[in-house]
C-alpha atoms as a PDB file:
ATOM      1  CA  MET A   1     -15.492  34.329  34.113  1.00  0.00           C
ATOM      2  CA  THR A   2     -14.457  31.192  36.610  1.00  0.00           C
ATOM      3  CA  TYR A   3     -12.976  28.490  36.264  1.00  0.00           C
ATOM      4  CA  ARG A   4     -15.973  26.476  36.078  1.00  0.00           C
ATOM      5  CA  LYS A   5     -17.956  28.409  33.223  1.00  0.00           C
ATOM      6  CA  VAL A   6     -14.791  27.892  31.023  1.00  0.00           C
ATOM      7  CA  SER A   7     -14.691  23.857  31.598  1.00  0.00           C
ATOM      8  CA  LEU A   8     -18.136  24.213  30.395  1.00  0.00           C
ATOM      9  CA  ALA A   9     -17.914  26.695  27.801  1.00  0.00           C
ATOM     10  CA  LEU A  10     -14.649  24.302  26.578  1.00  0.00           C
ATOM     11  CA  VAL A  11     -16.972  21.157  27.000  1.00  0.00           C
ATOM     12  CA  PHE A  12     -19.347  22.483  24.696  1.00  0.00           C
ATOM     13  CA  VAL A  13     -17.134  23.573  22.346  1.00  0.00           C
ATOM     14  CA  MET A  14     -15.883  20.598  21.763  1.00  0.00           C
ATOM     15  CA  ALA A  15     -18.952  18.742  21.485  1.00  0.00           C
ATOM     16  CA  LEU A  16     -20.609  21.037  18.750  1.00  0.00           C
ATOM     17  CA  ALA A  17     -16.821  20.551  16.875  1.00  0.00           C
ATOM     18  CA  ALA A  18     -17.409  16.649  17.331  1.00  0.00           C
ATOM     19  CA  ILE A  19     -21.131  16.608  15.603  1.00  0.00           C
ATOM     20  CA  ILE A  20     -19.939  19.618  13.340  1.00  0.00           C
ATOM     21  CA  ALA A  21     -17.458  17.422  11.973  1.00  0.00           C
ATOM     22  CA  THR A  22     -19.417  13.950  11.581  1.00  0.00           C
ATOM     23  CA  LEU A  23     -22.145  15.870   9.835  1.00  0.00           C
ATOM     24  CA  GLY A  24     -20.838  14.740   6.835  1.00  0.00           C
ATOM     25  CA  THR A  25     -19.444  11.746   7.206  1.00  0.00           C
ATOM     26  CA  GLN A  26     -22.492   9.330   5.907  1.00  0.00           C
ATOM     27  CA  SER A  27     -20.839   6.724   4.001  1.00  0.00           C
ATOM     28  CA  SER A  28     -21.394   6.508   0.328  1.00  0.00           C
ATOM     29  CA  ILE A  29     -20.079   2.551   0.345  1.00  0.00           C
ATOM     30  CA  GLN A  30     -23.375   0.069   0.469  1.00  0.00           C
ATOM     31  CA  GLY A  31     -23.030  -2.188   3.010  1.00  0.00           C
ATOM     32  CA  GLY A  32     -26.589  -3.661   1.435  1.00  0.00           C
ATOM     33  CA  GLY A  33     -26.505  -4.655   5.395  1.00  0.00           C
ATOM     34  CA  SER A  34     -23.255  -7.162   5.203  1.00  0.00           C
ATOM     35  CA  SER A  35     -22.112  -8.960   8.684  1.00  0.00           C
ATOM     36  CA  ALA A  36     -18.457  -8.291   7.026  1.00  0.00           C
ATOM     37  CA  PRO A  37     -16.244  -6.572   9.301  1.00  0.00           C
ATOM     38  CA  ALA A  38     -16.066  -2.929   9.780  1.00  0.00           C
ATOM     39  CA  LEU A  39     -12.297  -1.108   9.166  1.00  0.00           C
ATOM     40  CA  GLU A  40     -13.482   1.748  10.734  1.00  0.00           C
ATOM     41  CA  GLY A  41     -11.005   2.959  14.020  1.00  0.00           C
ATOM     42  CA  SER A  42      -7.271   3.802  14.906  1.00  0.00           C
ATOM     43  CA  TRP A  43      -4.644   0.987  14.182  1.00  0.00           C
ATOM     44  CA  ASN A  44      -0.837  -0.017  15.342  1.00  0.00           C
ATOM     45  CA  VAL A  45       0.394  -0.777  11.481  1.00  0.00           C
ATOM     46  CA  ARG A  46       4.003  -2.605  10.914  1.00  0.00           C
ATOM     47  CA  ILE A  47       5.418  -1.814   7.879  1.00  0.00           C
ATOM     48  CA  SER A  48       8.209  -4.439   6.348  1.00  0.00           C
ATOM     49  CA  PHE A  49      10.510  -2.654   3.503  1.00  0.00           C
ATOM     50  CA  THR A  50      10.708  -5.649   1.128  1.00  0.00           C
ATOM     51  CA  THR A  51      11.903  -3.493  -2.200  1.00  0.00           C
ATOM     52  CA  GLY A  52      13.099  -0.239  -2.586  1.00  0.00           C
ATOM     53  CA  PRO A  53      16.061   1.960  -0.946  1.00  0.00           C
ATOM     54  CA  ASN A  54      14.313   0.311   2.697  1.00  0.00           C
ATOM     55  CA  ALA A  55      14.313  -3.352   1.817  1.00  0.00           C
ATOM     56  CA  GLY A  56      14.947  -5.660   4.770  1.00  0.00           C
ATOM     57  CA  SER A  57      14.051  -2.837   7.605  1.00  0.00           C
ATOM     58  CA  THR A  58      10.614  -2.261   9.139  1.00  0.00           C
ATOM     59  CA  GLY A  59       8.420   0.840  10.852  1.00  0.00           C
ATOM     60  CA  ILE A  60       5.376   1.606  12.971  1.00  0.00           C
ATOM     61  CA  GLY A  61       2.263   3.847  11.806  1.00  0.00           C
ATOM     62  CA  LEU A  62      -0.844   4.573  12.911  1.00  0.00           C
ATOM     63  CA  MET A  63      -3.796   4.699  10.307  1.00  0.00           C
ATOM     64  CA  THR A  64      -7.388   6.016  11.647  1.00  0.00           C
ATOM     65  CA  TYR A  65     -10.661   4.749   9.634  1.00  0.00           C
ATOM     66  CA  ALA A  66     -13.342   7.731   9.486  1.00  0.00           C
ATOM     67  CA  ARG A  67     -16.740   6.274   8.083  1.00  0.00           C
ATOM     68  CA  GLY A  68     -17.359   7.063   4.574  1.00  0.00           C
ATOM     69  CA  GLY A  69     -13.926   6.536   3.259  1.00  0.00           C
ATOM     70  CA  GLY A  70     -11.428   9.230   5.220  1.00  0.00           C
ATOM     71  CA  LEU A  71      -8.143   8.570   6.996  1.00  0.00           C
ATOM     72  CA  VAL A  72      -5.139  10.156   8.091  1.00  0.00           C
ATOM     73  CA  ASN A  73      -1.774   8.374   8.855  1.00  0.00           C
ATOM     74  CA  SER A  74       0.895   9.208  10.874  1.00  0.00           C
ATOM     75  CA  ALA A  75       4.334   7.376   9.681  1.00  0.00           C
ATOM     76  CA  PRO A  76       7.202   7.506  11.443  1.00  0.00           C
ATOM     77  CA  THR A  77       9.587  10.597  10.723  1.00  0.00           C
ATOM     78  CA  ALA A  78      12.112   8.890   8.637  1.00  0.00           C
ATOM     79  CA  ILE A  79      12.636   5.034   8.508  1.00  0.00           C
ATOM     80  CA  PRO A  80      16.433   4.058   7.800  1.00  0.00           C
ATOM     81  CA  PRO A  81      18.564   4.670   5.616  1.00  0.00           C
ATOM     82  CA  VAL A  82      16.727   7.340   4.668  1.00  0.00           C
ATOM     83  CA  PRO A  83      18.462  10.157   6.159  1.00  0.00           C
ATOM     84  CA  LEU A  84      17.900  11.933   8.895  1.00  0.00           C
ATOM     85  CA  THR A  85      17.155  15.590   6.701  1.00  0.00           C
ATOM     86  CA  ILE A  86      14.300  13.671   5.237  1.00  0.00           C
ATOM     87  CA  THR A  87      10.870  13.733   7.039  1.00  0.00           C
ATOM     88  CA  PHE A  88       7.026  13.724   5.547  1.00  0.00           C
ATOM     89  CA  SER A  89       3.932  15.529   6.924  1.00  0.00           C
ATOM     90  CA  THR A  90       0.572  12.726   8.469  1.00  0.00           C
ATOM     91  CA  GLY A  91      -1.037  11.550   6.055  1.00  0.00           C
ATOM     92  CA  HIS A  92      -4.597  12.325   3.938  1.00  0.00           C
ATOM     93  CA  GLY A  93      -6.264   9.822   2.242  1.00  0.00           C
ATOM     94  CA  ALA A  94      -9.445   7.336   1.196  1.00  0.00           C
ATOM     95  CA  TRP A  95     -10.119   3.511   1.797  1.00  0.00           C
ATOM     96  CA  GLU A  96     -12.822   1.861   0.370  1.00  0.00           C
ATOM     97  CA  ARG A  97     -14.239  -1.542   0.479  1.00  0.00           C
ATOM     98  CA  THR A  98     -13.110  -3.708  -2.627  1.00  0.00           C
ATOM     99  CA  GLY A  99     -15.086  -7.862  -1.266  1.00  0.00           C
ATOM    100  CA  GLY A 100     -16.143  -8.727   1.845  1.00  0.00           C
ATOM    101  CA  LYS A 101     -13.057  -7.852   3.788  1.00  0.00           C
ATOM    102  CA  GLU A 102     -10.814  -6.855   1.764  1.00  0.00           C
ATOM    103  CA  PHE A 103     -10.191  -2.830   1.378  1.00  0.00           C
ATOM    104  CA  ALA A 104      -8.061  -0.588  -1.079  1.00  0.00           C
ATOM    105  CA  GLN A 105      -6.550   2.893  -0.118  1.00  0.00           C
ATOM    106  CA  THR A 106      -4.887   5.386  -0.495  1.00  0.00           C
ATOM    107  CA  TRP A 107      -2.946   8.579   1.105  1.00  0.00           C
ATOM    108  CA  VAL A 108      -0.647  11.325   0.340  1.00  0.00           C
ATOM    109  CA  SER A 109       2.002  13.345   2.228  1.00  0.00           C
ATOM    110  CA  ASN A 110       4.563  15.813   1.914  1.00  0.00           C
ATOM    111  CA  VAL A 111       8.130  15.336   1.817  1.00  0.00           C
ATOM    112  CA  TYR A 112      10.268  17.847   3.324  1.00  0.00           C
ATOM    113  CA  ASN A 113      14.052  18.284   2.953  1.00  0.00           C
ATOM    114  CA  ASN A 114      15.989  20.078   6.372  1.00  0.00           C
ATOM    115  CA  GLY A 115      11.703  21.427   7.138  1.00  0.00           C
ATOM    116  CA  LEU A 116      11.425  22.290   3.255  1.00  0.00           C
ATOM    117  CA  GLN A 117       9.129  20.837   1.442  1.00  0.00           C
ATOM    118  CA  VAL A 118      10.895  18.789  -1.993  1.00  0.00           C
ATOM    119  CA  GLY A 119       7.395  17.150  -3.044  1.00  0.00           C
ATOM    120  CA  PHE A 120       4.781  14.172  -1.887  1.00  0.00           C
ATOM    121  CA  LEU A 121       4.818  10.558  -1.456  1.00  0.00           C
ATOM    122  CA  GLU A 122       1.952   8.770  -2.827  1.00  0.00           C
ATOM    123  CA  VAL A 123       0.959   5.684  -0.908  1.00  0.00           C
ATOM    124  CA  ARG A 124      -1.141   3.055  -2.242  1.00  0.00           C
ATOM    125  CA  ASP A 125      -2.499  -0.352   0.424  1.00  0.00           C
ATOM    126  CA  ALA A 126      -4.704  -3.570  -0.030  1.00  0.00           C
ATOM    127  CA  ILE A 127      -5.352  -5.049   2.629  1.00  0.00           C
ATOM    128  CA  THR A 128      -7.187  -7.747   4.290  1.00  0.00           C
ATOM    129  CA  LEU A 129      -9.360  -8.031   7.926  1.00  0.00           C
ATOM    130  CA  ASN A 130      -9.121 -10.821   9.672  1.00  0.00           C
ATOM    131  CA  ARG A 131     -11.946 -13.154  10.455  1.00  0.00           C
ATOM    132  CA  ASP A 132     -12.651 -11.078  14.296  1.00  0.00           C
ATOM    133  CA  GLY A 133     -12.135  -7.893  12.060  1.00  0.00           C
ATOM    134  CA  ASP A 134      -9.813  -6.629  15.208  1.00  0.00           C
ATOM    135  CA  ALA A 135      -6.378  -7.210  12.628  1.00  0.00           C
ATOM    136  CA  PHE A 136      -5.298  -6.804   8.884  1.00  0.00           C
ATOM    137  CA  ASP A 137      -2.577  -7.524   7.461  1.00  0.00           C
ATOM    138  CA  GLY A 138      -1.827  -6.117   3.105  1.00  0.00           C
ATOM    139  CA  ARG A 139       0.463  -5.068   0.916  1.00  0.00           C
ATOM    140  CA  ARG A 140       2.001  -1.273  -0.154  1.00  0.00           C
ATOM    141  CA  SER A 141       3.293   0.614  -2.825  1.00  0.00           C
ATOM    142  CA  PHE A 142       4.909   4.175  -2.922  1.00  0.00           C
ATOM    143  CA  ARG A 143       5.476   6.660  -5.325  1.00  0.00           C
ATOM    144  CA  VAL A 144       7.219   9.529  -4.835  1.00  0.00           C
ATOM    145  CA  PHE A 145       6.647  13.153  -6.712  1.00  0.00           C
ATOM    146  CA  ASP A 146       8.527  16.407  -6.967  1.00  0.00           C
ATOM    147  CA  LEU A 147       6.690  19.830  -6.127  1.00  0.00           C
ATOM    148  CA  ALA A 148       5.408  19.712 -10.390  1.00  0.00           C
ATOM    149  CA  GLY A 149       3.842  16.349 -10.027  1.00  0.00           C
ATOM    150  CA  ASN A 150       6.766  14.912 -11.940  1.00  0.00           C
ATOM    151  CA  PRO A 151       7.776  11.080 -10.443  1.00  0.00           C
ATOM    152  CA  VAL A 152      11.239  10.968  -9.025  1.00  0.00           C
ATOM    153  CA  PRO A 153      13.293   8.664 -10.486  1.00  0.00           C
ATOM    154  CA  GLY A 154      14.521   5.196  -8.931  1.00  0.00           C
ATOM    155  CA  PRO A 155      13.481   1.596  -7.088  1.00  0.00           C
ATOM    156  CA  ALA A 156      10.156   0.179  -6.790  1.00  0.00           C
ATOM    157  CA  SER A 157       9.361   0.636  -3.082  1.00  0.00           C
ATOM    158  CA  CYS A 158       6.680  -2.070  -1.693  1.00  0.00           C
ATOM    159  CA  ALA A 159       6.007  -3.507   1.541  1.00  0.00           C
ATOM    160  CA  THR A 160       3.958  -6.037   3.565  1.00  0.00           C
ATOM    161  CA  LEU A 161       1.378  -4.511   6.059  1.00  0.00           C
ATOM    162  CA  HIS A 162       0.223  -6.025   9.066  1.00  0.00           C
ATOM    163  CA  GLY A 163      -2.130  -3.564  11.202  1.00  0.00           C
ATOM    164  CA  THR A 164      -3.697  -4.345  15.021  1.00  0.00           C
ATOM    165  CA  ARG A 165      -6.994  -1.964  16.057  1.00  0.00           C
ATOM    166  CA  ILE A 166      -6.597  -0.154  18.650  1.00  0.00           C
ATOM    167  CA  ASN A 167      -9.273  -0.966  21.896  1.00  0.00           C
ATOM    168  CA  VAL A 168     -10.557   0.987  24.575  1.00  0.00           C
ATOM    169  CA  GLU A 169      -8.987  -0.069  27.768  1.00  0.00           C
ATOM    170  CA  PRO A 170      -9.379   1.427  30.750  1.00  0.00           C
ATOM    171  CA  PRO A 171      -6.556   2.661  32.798  1.00  0.00           C
ATOM    172  CA  ASP A 172      -3.769   0.924  34.944  1.00  0.00           C
ATOM    173  CA  ALA A 173      -6.233  -0.074  38.375  1.00  0.00           C
ATOM    174  CA  THR A 174      -2.887   1.743  40.453  1.00  0.00           C
ATOM    175  CA  CYS A 175      -3.363   4.770  38.442  1.00  0.00           C
ATOM    176  CA  LEU A 176      -7.036   5.302  39.644  1.00  0.00           C
END
């Protein structure tokens, strides 16, 4: 098979996969013709811990919101003072509009210690988009569970959030 045929086949497969992936994403959220800003898309999110073992530290995460209420989160591997042996998987969850520019979301992430799963993290957020829909602010609470689903004792962990939308931008002119 020639390079061109392989390339065309790969493009076709990727396009087909994209179509299949979007078939089940019809929104169950009733917009009612609202012109409220949309949350869908990808965001850089700064997390500032206010209580718990990470109080006073900050981290950066990535969030992607899909139409219909799905979300995927890529958080820092570990945030000091969490030991570097503790790591987190990509988070998966759901979001919904609770008001004009207000949203709630819950997502979970696996927790590993030296590569072995030891539990999971549940995160709950309440966020509000700004007027232009290109930034949000919010508050977050965390709960950690062991593998049996029991809450792990410890102080409450809370944080504030600030997200900025990731927009499409052309490559640097020197790279063209």
